[in-house]
Amino acid sequence: MADNVYKLRDKNSESEKITINLGYVDLGRIDLLVQEGFYSNRSDFIRTAIRNQLASEGEAVKQSIIKQTLELGLRDYSKADLEAVKAAGEKLEIKVLGLARIAPDVTPELALATIESITVLGALQASAELKSTLAERIR
């Protein structure tokens, strides 16, 4: 199943919207940098700042990924993947840093039979019914 792990690209369609609170002075300083042409808009500044901070903490992040045995990027779980896990009499411990997607045709019964736990640092895409069914297994 490792053949369906993909490195995420920086694309708006593959991003998650977040909300942050900033003080007025910090917001004004960002607006000043945008006005002066250093950044195209507030979001551009914030994305750049986040990437720079993540780069400066890169080694710590890398070590934590290894220590926690996280898969990095996009991880898809299809109905066929889970049926194969069930046929083998195994259960998955899903651990992803990025985006984990469980196919819409996966039934709650199949998910319960094959998924022991889910840890996602980033985002989990699954049906509302599946998320509700697996709520106690999502960490």
Foldseek 3Di string as FASTA:
>chain_A
DVVQFDADDDDPVQADDDDDDDDPVVVVVLVVCCVVPVAVDSVRVVVVVVVVVCVVCVVVVVVVCVVVVAREHEAEAELVNLVVQVVVVAADAHHYEGEYEYDAPRDLVSNVSHYQAHEYNHYYHYDPVNCVSCVVRYD
